[in-house]
Amino acid sequence: MGVYSDLFALILMVLAVVGLARASDQDPLQDFCVADLTQGVLVNGYPCKDPRAVTAADFAFSGLAESANLSGNPFDADAITGFVQD
């Protein structure tokens, strides 16, 4: 009886993994939203740029290349933040 319960559990796990893998969005409506900084801020933030006007420069942030200031920090940890305006 133990072999059948193990086999049943294995089949259930495989079906669960296959079900999760197939649960992706077949027709994504909006994969990304690049903020359009030329327009004003709305209630919920900046509006999205037209996807045809998006360039590779919109996804670059030069601030990540800066080293953090760890002097006087007892944990030797810091964070570099990036905001829409950067």
Protein backbone atom coordinates (compact mmCIF):
# COMPACT_ATOMS: atom_id res chain seq x y z
CA MET A 1 0.00 0.00 0.00
CA GLY A 2 2.93 2.34 0.65
CA VAL A 3 4.16 2.18 -2.96
CA TYR A 4 0.77 3.27 -4.30
CA SER A 5 0.51 6.22 -1.93
CA ASP A 6 4.01 7.38 -2.92
CA LEU A 7 3.14 7.04 -6.60
CA PHE A 8 -0.12 8.91 -6.06
CA ALA A 9 1.71 11.73 -4.26
CA LEU A 10 4.27 11.93 -7.08
CA ILE A 11 1.54 12.12 -9.71
CA LEU A 12 -0.22 14.88 -7.75
CA MET A 13 2.99 16.90 -7.48
CA VAL A 14 3.69 16.55 -11.22
CA LEU A 15 0.15 17.64 -12.06
CA ALA A 16 0.44 20.63 -9.73
CA VAL A 17 3.72 21.74 -11.34
CA VAL A 18 2.32 21.32 -14.84
CA GLY A 19 -0.80 23.25 -13.81
CA LEU A 20 1.29 26.12 -12.47
CA ALA A 21 3.45 26.20 -15.57
CA ARG A 22 0.41 26.49 -17.80
CA ALA A 23 -1.17 29.24 -15.68
CA SER A 24 0.76 32.01 -17.42
CA ASP A 25 -1.00 34.85 -19.22
CA GLN A 26 -1.45 33.90 -22.86
CA ASP A 27 -2.22 37.45 -23.96
CA PRO A 28 -0.39 39.92 -21.73
CA LEU A 29 -2.04 43.30 -21.93
CA GLN A 30 0.81 45.30 -20.46
CA ASP A 31 4.25 43.75 -20.02
CA PHE A 32 5.95 46.96 -18.90
CA CYS A 33 5.20 50.59 -18.22
CA VAL A 34 7.88 53.23 -18.75
CA ALA A 35 6.91 56.49 -17.08
CA ASP A 36 6.31 59.44 -19.39
CA LEU A 37 8.05 62.26 -17.50
CA THR A 38 6.95 64.92 -20.02
CA GLN A 39 3.36 64.75 -18.77
CA GLY A 40 2.25 65.79 -15.33
CA VAL A 41 1.85 63.54 -12.34
CA LEU A 42 -1.61 62.02 -12.07
CA VAL A 43 -3.30 60.68 -8.95
CA ASN A 44 -1.68 57.25 -9.34
CA GLY A 45 1.68 58.41 -10.73
CA TYR A 46 3.06 59.14 -14.17
CA PRO A 47 1.25 57.88 -17.26
CA CYS A 48 2.93 55.22 -19.43
CA LYS A 49 4.90 56.05 -22.55
CA ASP A 50 3.74 54.75 -25.88
CA PRO A 51 5.44 51.34 -26.24
CA ARG A 52 6.69 52.33 -29.71
CA ALA A 53 8.54 55.32 -28.20
CA VAL A 54 10.37 53.30 -25.53
CA THR A 55 14.15 52.98 -25.98
CA ALA A 56 16.86 50.97 -24.23
CA ALA A 57 17.94 54.15 -22.41
CA ASP A 58 14.63 54.10 -20.54
CA PHE A 59 15.76 50.92 -18.74
CA ALA A 60 19.24 52.15 -17.76
CA PHE A 61 20.08 53.60 -14.34
CA SER A 62 23.62 54.86 -13.86
CA GLY A 63 23.23 55.22 -10.10
CA LEU A 64 23.79 51.49 -9.57
CA ALA A 65 27.43 51.94 -10.58
CA GLU A 66 28.06 54.25 -7.60
CA SER A 67 29.59 52.71 -4.50
CA ALA A 68 27.72 53.03 -1.24
CA ASN A 69 29.03 55.00 1.73
CA LEU A 70 29.69 52.42 4.45
CA SER A 71 31.75 54.57 6.81
CA GLY A 72 30.24 54.71 10.27
CA ASN A 73 27.67 52.07 9.41
CA PRO A 74 27.76 49.30 12.04
CA PHE A 75 26.19 46.75 9.70
CA ASP A 76 28.37 47.52 6.64
CA ALA A 77 25.23 47.67 4.52
CA ASP A 78 23.64 50.38 2.42
CA ALA A 79 21.11 50.70 -0.36
CA ILE A 80 21.23 52.67 -3.60
CA THR A 81 17.74 53.83 -4.46
CA GLY A 82 16.37 54.55 -7.90
CA PHE A 83 13.25 56.59 -8.48
CA VAL A 84 11.23 57.49 -11.55
CA GLN A 85 12.80 60.95 -11.71
CA ASP A 86 16.36 59.54 -11.70
